[in-house]
Structure formats: structure tokens, C-alpha cells
Amino acid sequence: SHMVDMEDVIADDFIYSPLAVNIICEIFNIGIETAVLYQRLLMRCLFDSLQPYIPLLILSGDDLFVADDSIMKKLSVSIATVSPVSGLIHCGLNIKQPAISIPTVGLEELLETNDLKEIVHVIEGALRTFKHEVESIKSAAVKVRPVI
């Protein structure tokens, strides 16, 4: 009942992870297309931060995968939607590998650590970059005058 991705609802997909980093963003006064653009920016920031540690990491749309012997293992879930006043973004990154019907992988395995502080440190770098980019976009949008 809480699923907003109608493709997943129709497919009756079950999304689960035994341990994950969940990132929730709310950006006010934007529509769905802008929310999706911010979602893609967030995923790009995460990709750029994780890729030095995970060379086989792939960003495809709004999802992160790891190529493993020609099998694409899913690392993330992500969705963007809107409320009456804001754009809402959720991204979940597996820490522990979920045992579900599709091939998945977790950061614990990829980063070869079960130290959550190390994993969170890498993710925080991506979030600082994302925050800076959002602030920069907002600043750039208000410093120009419209053309009539």
C-alpha cells in the first residue's frame, strides 16, 4: 500500500533488504520531472563516490548495479514522486545482500568491510556533493532575470 512505483505494484514486486542505507530527500516547490532529475543527480553522486571502491559499478537510469560474470547484480532501489508541496526521493543501498528473486549485492561484500562507519563515510561524501549541487542549482536559478 506504500509503493508509489506503479510498475512494481503491477508486477507485484517485493522489495526487501536485511540492512540498507536509506536516503530520503524532500525538495520544495518542484514537479515530478524536476524530482526525477534530482533523483538522477543523487544517483550520479552516489555512483561517483562509490565507483573508485567498486570498479565494476554501473549506473543505469536511477539504479546502481555491479557487473559480475555477465550478471548484473542490483545494489540500489530508487524512486521519485511528488506531494502537493514538494518532490520526494528515496534511495536504498543494500548493505547486506538481500535474498530475493533477482540477483543482488550489498556494500558490505563490495567494500569488503562490515564496519558500518566506513560504509556510511563513503555515502556521506556523496550526500555532501549532492547537497552542494542542489544549493548551486537553486542559487543559479534565482540570479537571472527572465527574458520577455
Protein backbone atom coordinates (compact mmCIF):
# COMPACT_ATOMS: atom_id res chain seq x y z
CA SER A 1 0.00 0.00 0.00
CA HIS A 2 3.02 2.31 0.38
CA MET A 3 4.52 1.56 -3.04
CA VAL A 4 4.46 4.54 -5.42
CA ASP A 5 6.23 2.87 -8.37
CA MET A 6 3.22 1.61 -10.29
CA GLU A 7 5.39 -0.68 -12.45
CA ASP A 8 6.44 -2.51 -9.26
CA VAL A 9 2.84 -2.58 -7.98
CA ILE A 10 1.55 -4.12 -11.22
CA ALA A 11 4.37 -6.69 -11.20
CA ASP A 12 3.64 -7.42 -7.53
CA ASP A 13 7.35 -6.91 -6.80
CA PHE A 14 8.60 -7.45 -3.29
CA ILE A 15 11.36 -5.04 -2.30
CA TYR A 16 13.40 -6.04 0.73
CA SER A 17 16.87 -5.70 2.21
CA PRO A 18 18.01 -7.08 5.57
CA LEU A 19 20.18 -3.99 6.10
CA ALA A 20 20.32 -0.89 3.92
CA VAL A 21 21.27 2.76 3.87
CA ASN A 22 18.06 4.69 3.14
CA ILE A 23 18.31 8.21 1.79
CA ILE A 24 15.22 10.39 1.85
CA CYS A 25 15.18 13.81 0.16
CA GLU A 26 12.47 16.44 0.08
CA ILE A 27 12.83 19.42 -2.23
CA PHE A 28 10.07 22.01 -2.09
CA ASN A 29 8.22 23.64 -4.98
CA ILE A 30 9.18 21.21 -7.74
CA GLY A 31 7.18 18.95 -10.06
CA ILE A 32 7.67 15.30 -10.90
CA GLU A 33 10.03 15.84 -13.84
CA THR A 34 12.34 18.01 -11.72
CA ALA A 35 12.13 15.47 -8.88
CA VAL A 36 13.27 12.76 -11.30
CA LEU A 37 16.14 14.98 -12.46
CA TYR A 38 17.24 15.49 -8.85
CA GLN A 39 16.90 11.73 -8.29
CA ARG A 40 19.23 11.09 -11.25
CA LEU A 41 21.67 13.67 -9.84
CA LEU A 42 21.63 11.91 -6.46
CA MET A 43 22.33 8.56 -8.11
CA ARG A 44 25.18 10.09 -10.15
CA CYS A 45 26.72 11.50 -6.94
CA LEU A 46 26.47 8.06 -5.30
CA PHE A 47 27.97 6.40 -8.38
CA ASP A 48 30.88 8.87 -8.48
CA SER A 49 31.62 8.31 -4.77
CA LEU A 50 31.36 4.52 -4.87
CA GLN A 51 32.99 3.80 -8.23
CA PRO A 52 36.61 4.22 -7.02
CA TYR A 53 35.93 1.43 -4.49
CA ILE A 54 33.77 -0.69 -6.82
CA PRO A 55 35.31 -0.64 -10.33
CA LEU A 56 32.54 -2.80 -11.86
CA LEU A 57 29.80 -0.42 -10.66
CA ILE A 58 27.30 0.61 -13.33
CA LEU A 59 24.76 3.44 -13.24
CA SER A 60 21.74 2.71 -15.39
CA GLY A 61 18.98 5.28 -15.17
CA ASP A 62 18.23 5.57 -11.47
CA ASP A 63 19.74 2.23 -10.43
CA LEU A 64 23.20 1.06 -9.41
CA PHE A 65 24.35 -2.40 -10.49
CA VAL A 66 27.56 -4.37 -10.25
CA ALA A 67 28.68 -6.43 -13.25
CA ASP A 68 29.72 -9.87 -12.04
CA ASP A 69 30.49 -12.55 -14.63
CA SER A 70 27.97 -11.07 -17.10
CA ILE A 71 25.31 -10.97 -14.36
CA MET A 72 24.03 -7.57 -13.33
CA LYS A 73 23.59 -7.55 -9.55
CA LYS A 74 21.34 -4.82 -8.20
CA LEU A 75 22.78 -2.63 -5.44
CA SER A 76 20.08 0.03 -5.12
CA VAL A 77 16.43 0.91 -5.34
CA SER A 78 15.31 4.45 -6.06
CA ILE A 79 12.08 6.32 -6.69
CA ALA A 80 10.97 9.92 -7.09
CA THR A 81 7.45 11.21 -6.60
CA VAL A 82 5.71 14.41 -5.56
CA SER A 83 3.48 15.60 -2.75
CA PRO A 84 1.27 18.69 -3.00
CA VAL A 85 4.21 20.85 -1.86
CA SER A 86 7.44 19.02 -2.72
CA GLY A 87 9.42 16.47 -4.65
CA LEU A 88 10.27 13.34 -2.69
CA ILE A 89 13.17 10.99 -3.42
CA HIS A 90 14.02 7.68 -1.80
CA CYS A 91 17.17 5.70 -2.46
CA GLY A 92 18.04 2.46 -0.71
CA LEU A 93 21.52 0.95 -0.94
CA ASN A 94 21.91 -2.65 0.21
CA ILE A 95 24.47 -3.12 2.95
CA LYS A 96 23.74 -6.82 3.34
CA GLN A 97 22.80 -8.77 0.24
CA PRO A 98 19.05 -9.44 0.09
CA ALA A 99 17.92 -12.98 -0.67
CA ILE A 100 15.25 -12.19 -3.24
CA SER A 101 14.35 -13.42 -6.72
CA ILE A 102 16.67 -11.09 -8.64
CA PRO A 103 20.49 -11.01 -8.42
CA THR A 104 21.56 -8.50 -5.77
CA VAL A 105 24.69 -7.41 -3.93
CA GLY A 106 25.49 -5.46 -0.78
CA LEU A 107 28.04 -2.81 0.13
CA GLU A 108 29.38 -4.99 2.94
CA GLU A 109 30.57 -7.52 0.36
CA LEU A 110 31.69 -4.96 -2.24
CA LEU A 111 33.66 -2.79 0.16
CA GLU A 112 34.95 -5.87 1.96
CA THR A 113 34.01 -4.47 5.35
CA ASN A 114 31.27 -4.92 7.89
CA ASP A 115 32.26 -1.67 9.60
CA LEU A 116 29.16 0.46 9.12
CA LYS A 117 31.14 3.64 9.88
CA GLU A 118 33.33 3.04 6.82
CA ILE A 119 30.31 2.42 4.61
CA VAL A 120 28.47 5.49 5.94
CA HIS A 121 31.59 7.64 5.45
CA VAL A 122 31.62 6.87 1.72
CA ILE A 123 27.87 7.59 1.41
CA GLU A 124 28.18 10.85 3.36
CA GLY A 125 30.71 12.10 0.80
CA ALA A 126 28.17 11.54 -1.96
CA LEU A 127 25.47 13.31 0.06
CA ARG A 128 27.70 16.34 0.65
CA THR A 129 28.28 16.55 -3.11
CA PHE A 130 24.54 16.22 -3.79
CA LYS A 131 23.71 18.93 -1.23
CA HIS A 132 26.27 21.25 -2.79
CA GLU A 133 24.85 20.62 -6.28
CA VAL A 134 21.25 21.25 -5.15
CA GLU A 135 22.29 24.50 -3.44
CA SER A 136 24.24 25.53 -6.55
CA ILE A 137 21.24 24.80 -8.81
CA LYS A 138 18.90 26.80 -6.54
CA SER A 139 21.38 29.70 -6.46
CA ALA A 140 21.84 29.69 -10.23
CA ALA A 141 18.07 29.69 -10.74
CA VAL A 142 17.48 32.87 -8.74
CA LYS A 143 20.34 35.02 -10.01
CA VAL A 144 18.99 35.53 -13.52
CA ARG A 145 16.13 37.59 -14.80
CA PRO A 146 13.50 36.21 -17.16
CA VAL A 147 13.59 37.02 -20.87
CA ILE A 148 10.44 38.65 -22.18
